[in-house]
Amino acid sequence: MSIAPSSHARARLFSGFRQDQLLPYWLLAPAVVVTVVIVFLPMVQAVITSFYDLVLFRPNASRFVGFGNYIKLFNDPVFWTALWNTVIWIGLTVPLQMALGLTAALLLNREFPWRGLARALIIIPWALPSVVIALMWRWIYDPNTGVLNDILIYLTIVQSAVPWLADPNVALYAIIATLTWQGFPFFAVMILAGLQGIPRSQYEAASIDGASTWRQFVHITLPGIAPILATAGLLRVIWVANSMDVIFVMTGGGPGYATHTLPLYAFVKARQNLDFGYGTAIAVTFTLLLGAFVALYLARTMREVER
């Protein structure tokens, strides 16, 4: 004979069950509130501001212009120059950082004396503040006192000093080299962690089967670190795309508009020219373009994982 639980017992049981279900949401609530207040509310405010002609040195003349800032933006030649520079900035910096980081990780994964010290020292470029790195490399590139020109002239690679940051055809690539040096340790550390997770037995079995070092790299190493490369590559694309501090310190976006990127152009318009309406329109457009790229990247990555 079974005894049915009383209504009070069922109520207590149901209440306890609901509390257990709601506990994760209560624990996440503070982080969600902070994210909404710090991230999403400013984003909404930026979108609203982009629909206004808002220049801070004439605030009384502020007026709603709808998509006027966006129409003005797409007719702005500087915007297209900055967009192309941004594509070059991301398209060269991230692959170079990844390639250099992969090479460094493969070397650091080998056995050699002082390997621990080498692993510690390689993180220095990543640990230094961006402003310090920008000032250091601006001195390296200096045509009068810079060490780079001295070395190239001594090796007779060039005959006279090259104005690395003053030449519109060279300045952007000089800054890309700077950011490549700063960012490759991130890839090196991430890839090194992935390499140490690949079982040595796989390499031993492949070696017994006669696989060359290159075939082992292609069929064992690359598949083993592919998820890390995908994740680290996406993070670096986002970080490099939004990075403007190194450019601002080294060239300020010059000479002319040769090193202007979209984040820097938005900053110059909003913070220096005080044209917040147009500056936020540039920032919103850049966010949409970057968001579309990230969405396509994630969709392709998910398809590869499902295979």
Protein backbone atom coordinates (compact mmCIF):
# COMPACT_ATOMS: atom_id res chain seq x y z
CA MET A 1 0.00 0.00 0.00
CA SER A 2 1.57 3.32 -1.13
CA ILE A 3 1.07 6.53 0.70
CA ALA A 4 0.69 9.61 -1.53
CA PRO A 5 2.72 12.63 -0.42
CA SER A 6 0.72 15.43 1.12
CA SER A 7 0.06 18.68 -0.73
CA HIS A 8 2.51 20.54 1.54
CA ALA A 9 5.25 18.02 0.78
CA ARG A 10 4.59 18.33 -2.96
CA ALA A 11 4.72 22.12 -2.71
CA ARG A 12 8.06 22.02 -0.85
CA LEU A 13 9.45 19.55 -3.39
CA PHE A 14 8.28 21.70 -6.31
CA SER A 15 9.67 24.86 -4.69
CA GLY A 16 13.06 23.24 -4.13
CA PHE A 17 13.10 22.00 -7.72
CA ARG A 18 12.36 25.50 -9.04
CA GLN A 19 15.08 27.03 -6.86
CA ASP A 20 17.61 24.54 -8.21
CA GLN A 21 16.59 25.45 -11.75
CA LEU A 22 16.80 29.19 -11.15
CA LEU A 23 20.11 29.13 -9.26
CA PRO A 24 22.33 29.25 -12.38
CA TYR A 25 20.37 32.24 -13.69
CA TRP A 26 20.71 34.09 -10.38
CA LEU A 27 24.46 33.46 -10.42
CA LEU A 28 24.77 34.76 -13.99
CA ALA A 29 22.51 37.76 -13.44
CA PRO A 30 25.22 40.17 -12.12
CA ALA A 31 27.49 39.48 -15.11
CA VAL A 32 24.57 39.92 -17.52
CA VAL A 33 23.55 43.22 -15.91
CA VAL A 34 27.13 44.56 -16.03
CA THR A 35 27.47 43.48 -19.69
CA VAL A 36 24.20 45.16 -20.63
CA VAL A 37 25.10 48.40 -18.86
CA ILE A 38 28.72 48.60 -20.02
CA VAL A 39 28.49 47.08 -23.51
CA PHE A 40 24.99 47.01 -24.96
CA LEU A 41 23.65 50.35 -23.72
CA PRO A 42 26.61 52.28 -25.19
CA MET A 43 26.15 50.33 -28.44
CA VAL A 44 22.49 51.37 -28.61
CA GLN A 45 23.46 54.96 -27.77
CA ALA A 46 26.08 54.91 -30.54
CA VAL A 47 23.52 53.73 -33.09
CA ILE A 48 21.12 56.48 -32.02
CA THR A 49 23.89 59.11 -32.15
CA SER A 50 24.82 58.06 -35.68
CA PHE A 51 21.41 59.31 -36.86
CA TYR A 52 22.15 62.86 -35.66
CA ASP A 53 24.30 65.68 -36.91
CA LEU A 54 26.02 66.12 -33.54
CA VAL A 55 29.12 68.29 -33.35
CA LEU A 56 30.08 69.15 -29.79
CA PHE A 57 31.40 72.66 -30.46
CA ARG A 58 27.92 73.60 -31.76
CA PRO A 59 25.58 71.45 -29.62
CA ASN A 60 22.56 73.72 -30.14
CA ALA A 61 22.65 72.95 -33.86
CA SER A 62 22.22 69.22 -33.28
CA ARG A 63 19.50 67.75 -35.48
CA PHE A 64 18.16 64.39 -36.61
CA VAL A 65 19.43 63.50 -40.10
CA GLY A 66 18.40 59.84 -40.31
CA PHE A 67 20.75 58.00 -42.64
CA GLY A 68 22.40 61.24 -43.72
CA ASN A 69 25.68 60.38 -41.97
CA TYR A 70 25.76 57.00 -43.71
CA ILE A 71 25.10 58.56 -47.12
CA LYS A 72 27.85 61.06 -46.42
CA LEU A 73 30.10 58.22 -45.31
CA PHE A 74 29.74 56.22 -48.51
CA ASN A 75 30.54 59.36 -50.52
CA ASP A 76 33.64 60.01 -48.41
CA PRO A 77 36.88 59.01 -50.21
CA VAL A 78 38.75 58.91 -46.90
CA PHE A 79 36.33 56.22 -45.68
CA TRP A 80 37.16 54.00 -48.64
CA THR A 81 40.87 54.61 -48.17
CA ALA A 82 40.56 53.69 -44.49
CA LEU A 83 38.49 50.60 -45.37
CA TRP A 84 41.13 49.39 -47.84
CA ASN A 85 43.88 50.08 -45.31
CA THR A 86 41.91 48.09 -42.73
CA VAL A 87 41.64 45.12 -45.09
CA ILE A 88 45.41 45.22 -45.70
CA TRP A 89 46.02 45.76 -41.97
CA ILE A 90 44.06 42.64 -41.00
CA GLY A 91 44.87 40.53 -44.07
CA LEU A 92 48.63 40.81 -43.59
CA THR A 93 49.05 41.16 -39.84
CA VAL A 94 47.06 38.13 -38.68
CA PRO A 95 48.56 35.59 -41.16
CA LEU A 96 52.07 36.89 -40.45
CA GLN A 97 51.51 36.64 -36.70
CA MET A 98 50.13 33.12 -37.12
CA ALA A 99 53.00 31.96 -39.33
CA LEU A 100 55.65 33.43 -37.04
CA GLY A 101 53.87 32.08 -33.95
CA LEU A 102 53.63 28.60 -35.49
CA THR A 103 57.34 28.62 -36.33
CA ALA A 104 58.24 29.76 -32.81
CA ALA A 105 55.96 27.15 -31.22
CA LEU A 106 57.48 24.33 -33.28
CA LEU A 107 60.97 25.43 -32.23
CA LEU A 108 60.02 25.81 -28.56
CA ASN A 109 58.43 22.37 -28.59
CA ARG A 110 61.81 20.77 -29.27
CA GLU A 111 64.34 19.76 -26.64
CA PHE A 112 67.25 22.18 -26.30
CA PRO A 113 69.22 23.83 -23.47
CA TRP A 114 67.56 26.80 -21.75
CA ARG A 115 64.23 25.98 -23.33
CA GLY A 116 62.36 27.22 -20.26
CA LEU A 117 64.12 30.58 -20.45
CA ALA A 118 63.35 30.88 -24.16
CA ARG A 119 59.67 30.16 -23.50
CA ALA A 120 59.63 32.90 -20.88
CA LEU A 121 61.44 35.48 -23.02
CA ILE A 122 59.25 35.02 -26.08
CA ILE A 123 56.27 36.44 -24.23
CA ILE A 124 57.97 39.84 -23.73
CA PRO A 125 56.61 41.52 -26.90
CA TRP A 126 53.08 40.47 -25.94
CA ALA A 127 53.52 41.69 -22.36
CA LEU A 128 54.81 45.16 -23.21
CA PRO A 129 52.28 48.02 -23.44
CA SER A 130 51.34 49.01 -26.97
CA VAL A 131 52.46 52.61 -26.42
CA VAL A 132 55.93 51.45 -25.34
CA ILE A 133 56.21 49.21 -28.40
CA ALA A 134 55.06 52.02 -30.71
CA LEU A 135 57.62 54.45 -29.28
CA MET A 136 60.39 51.85 -29.46
CA TRP A 137 59.68 50.98 -33.08
CA ARG A 138 59.27 54.64 -34.04
CA TRP A 139 62.84 55.11 -32.85
CA ILE A 140 63.98 51.99 -34.75
CA TYR A 141 62.43 53.39 -37.95
CA ASP A 142 63.80 56.92 -37.44
CA PRO A 143 65.69 57.93 -40.62
CA ASN A 144 68.31 59.91 -38.67
CA THR A 145 68.98 57.88 -35.51
CA GLY A 146 67.15 54.62 -36.14
CA VAL A 147 69.07 51.36 -35.87
CA LEU A 148 67.23 49.72 -38.78
CA ASN A 149 68.62 52.11 -41.38
CA ASP A 150 72.11 51.80 -39.88
CA ILE A 151 71.99 48.02 -40.23
CA LEU A 152 70.64 48.13 -43.80
CA ILE A 153 73.21 50.70 -44.90
CA TYR A 154 76.02 48.71 -43.24
CA LEU A 155 74.89 45.59 -45.13
CA THR A 156 74.65 47.70 -48.33
CA ILE A 157 71.00 46.66 -48.74
CA VAL A 158 70.06 50.34 -49.10
CA GLN A 159 72.26 53.27 -50.09
CA SER A 160 70.58 55.96 -48.00
CA ALA A 161 68.23 56.16 -45.03
CA VAL A 162 64.65 55.14 -45.74
CA PRO A 163 61.89 57.32 -44.21
CA TRP A 164 59.87 54.32 -43.12
CA LEU A 165 57.04 56.24 -41.42
CA ALA A 166 57.09 59.27 -43.74
CA ASP A 167 56.72 57.42 -47.04
CA PRO A 168 53.00 56.83 -47.89
CA ASN A 169 53.91 53.65 -49.79
CA VAL A 170 55.84 52.12 -46.89
CA ALA A 171 54.37 53.48 -43.63
CA LEU A 172 51.45 51.04 -43.32
CA TYR A 173 53.67 48.01 -43.93
CA ALA A 174 56.20 49.26 -41.39
CA ILE A 175 53.46 49.42 -38.76
CA ILE A 176 52.24 45.95 -39.80
CA ALA A 177 55.75 44.64 -39.10
CA THR A 178 55.59 46.28 -35.66
CA LEU A 179 52.24 44.70 -34.78
CA THR A 180 53.39 41.36 -36.16
CA TRP A 181 56.31 41.41 -33.74
CA GLN A 182 54.03 42.39 -30.87
CA GLY A 183 51.31 39.80 -31.52
CA PHE A 184 53.09 36.63 -32.61
CA PRO A 185 53.79 35.44 -28.99
CA PHE A 186 50.02 35.03 -28.53
CA PHE A 187 49.94 32.47 -31.32
CA ALA A 188 53.19 30.90 -30.12
CA VAL A 189 51.84 30.26 -26.62
CA MET A 190 48.46 28.99 -27.85
CA ILE A 191 49.95 26.69 -30.48
CA LEU A 192 52.63 25.42 -28.08
CA ALA A 193 49.90 24.35 -25.65
CA GLY A 194 48.17 22.50 -28.50
CA LEU A 195 51.37 20.79 -29.60
CA GLN A 196 51.96 19.44 -26.12
CA GLY A 197 48.49 17.89 -26.21
CA ILE A 198 49.28 15.74 -29.26
CA PRO A 199 50.34 12.23 -28.15
CA ARG A 200 53.94 11.36 -29.00
CA SER A 201 52.79 7.86 -29.92
CA GLN A 202 51.23 9.24 -33.12
CA TYR A 203 54.58 10.59 -34.31
CA GLU A 204 56.33 7.36 -33.34
CA ALA A 205 53.82 5.27 -35.28
CA ALA A 206 54.09 7.55 -38.31
CA SER A 207 57.90 7.39 -38.15
CA ILE A 208 57.80 3.60 -38.06
CA ASP A 209 55.53 3.65 -41.12
CA GLY A 210 58.13 5.74 -42.95
CA ALA A 211 56.34 9.11 -42.90
CA SER A 212 58.64 12.06 -43.49
CA THR A 213 58.79 15.05 -41.15
CA TRP A 214 56.69 17.09 -43.56
CA ARG A 215 53.99 14.39 -43.82
CA GLN A 216 53.91 14.13 -40.03
CA PHE A 217 53.42 17.89 -39.84
CA VAL A 218 50.62 17.87 -42.42
CA HIS A 219 48.74 14.79 -41.19
CA ILE A 220 49.35 14.92 -37.43
CA THR A 221 50.46 18.37 -36.29
CA LEU A 222 48.12 20.55 -38.33
CA PRO A 223 44.95 18.53 -37.59
CA GLY A 224 45.93 18.48 -33.91
CA ILE A 225 46.24 22.25 -33.64
CA ALA A 226 43.53 23.19 -36.18
CA PRO A 227 40.90 24.10 -33.53
CA ILE A 228 43.45 26.29 -31.73
CA LEU A 229 44.44 28.01 -34.97
CA ALA A 230 40.78 28.68 -35.76
CA THR A 231 40.00 30.13 -32.33
CA ALA A 232 43.22 32.12 -31.97
CA GLY A 233 42.89 33.42 -35.52
CA LEU A 234 39.38 34.71 -34.88
CA LEU A 235 40.43 36.42 -31.66
CA ARG A 236 43.39 38.08 -33.35
CA VAL A 237 41.26 39.27 -36.27
CA ILE A 238 38.94 41.02 -33.81
CA TRP A 239 41.80 42.47 -31.76
CA VAL A 240 43.85 43.60 -34.76
CA ALA A 241 40.79 45.08 -36.46
CA ASN A 242 40.07 47.22 -33.39
CA SER A 243 43.72 48.05 -32.71
CA MET A 244 44.60 51.69 -33.36
CA ASP A 245 46.92 52.68 -30.50
CA VAL A 246 50.12 51.59 -32.28
CA ILE A 247 49.13 53.46 -35.45
CA PHE A 248 48.10 56.56 -33.52
CA VAL A 249 51.38 56.77 -31.62
CA MET A 250 53.64 55.95 -34.58
CA THR A 251 52.07 58.03 -37.36
CA GLY A 252 48.77 59.50 -36.16
CA GLY A 253 47.22 58.08 -39.33
CA GLY A 254 49.67 59.81 -41.69
CA PRO A 255 51.40 60.63 -43.83
CA GLY A 256 48.18 61.98 -45.27
CA TYR A 257 45.71 59.14 -44.89
CA ALA A 258 48.22 56.38 -45.69
CA THR A 259 47.83 54.63 -42.31
CA HIS A 260 44.22 55.50 -41.56
CA THR A 261 42.09 52.52 -40.55
CA LEU A 262 38.37 52.64 -39.79
CA PRO A 263 38.72 52.60 -35.97
CA LEU A 264 41.32 55.37 -36.16
CA TYR A 265 39.19 57.40 -38.57
CA ALA A 266 36.19 57.09 -36.25
CA PHE A 267 38.37 58.17 -33.33
CA VAL A 268 39.74 61.18 -35.20
CA LYS A 269 36.28 62.33 -36.24
CA ALA A 270 34.66 61.82 -32.84
CA ARG A 271 37.42 62.75 -30.40
CA GLN A 272 39.54 65.25 -32.30
CA ASN A 273 37.03 66.88 -34.65
CA LEU A 274 34.21 66.43 -32.08
CA ASP A 275 31.89 65.24 -34.86
CA PHE A 276 30.24 62.50 -32.84
CA GLY A 277 27.42 61.89 -35.31
CA TYR A 278 29.71 61.11 -38.24
CA GLY A 279 32.30 59.37 -36.06
CA THR A 280 29.76 56.98 -34.59
CA ALA A 281 28.37 56.29 -38.07
CA ILE A 282 31.85 55.15 -39.11
CA ALA A 283 32.14 53.02 -35.95
CA VAL A 284 28.72 51.43 -36.44
CA THR A 285 29.48 50.63 -40.09
CA PHE A 286 32.80 49.08 -39.12
CA THR A 287 31.10 47.03 -36.38
CA LEU A 288 28.57 45.68 -38.88
CA LEU A 289 31.30 44.76 -41.37
CA LEU A 290 33.39 43.06 -38.70
CA GLY A 291 30.32 41.29 -37.28
CA ALA A 292 29.43 39.96 -40.73
CA PHE A 293 32.95 38.61 -41.18
CA VAL A 294 32.88 36.95 -37.75
CA ALA A 295 29.47 35.38 -38.49
CA LEU A 296 30.72 33.96 -41.80
CA TYR A 297 33.90 32.71 -40.13
CA LEU A 298 31.95 30.96 -37.37
CA ALA A 299 29.49 29.44 -39.83
CA ARG A 300 32.31 28.02 -41.93
CA THR A 301 34.11 26.76 -38.83
CA MET A 302 30.96 25.00 -37.60
CA ARG A 303 30.53 23.30 -40.97
CA GLU A 304 34.12 22.08 -40.83
CA VAL A 305 33.58 20.74 -37.31
CA GLU A 306 30.38 18.91 -38.32
CA ARG A 307 32.27 17.14 -41.09
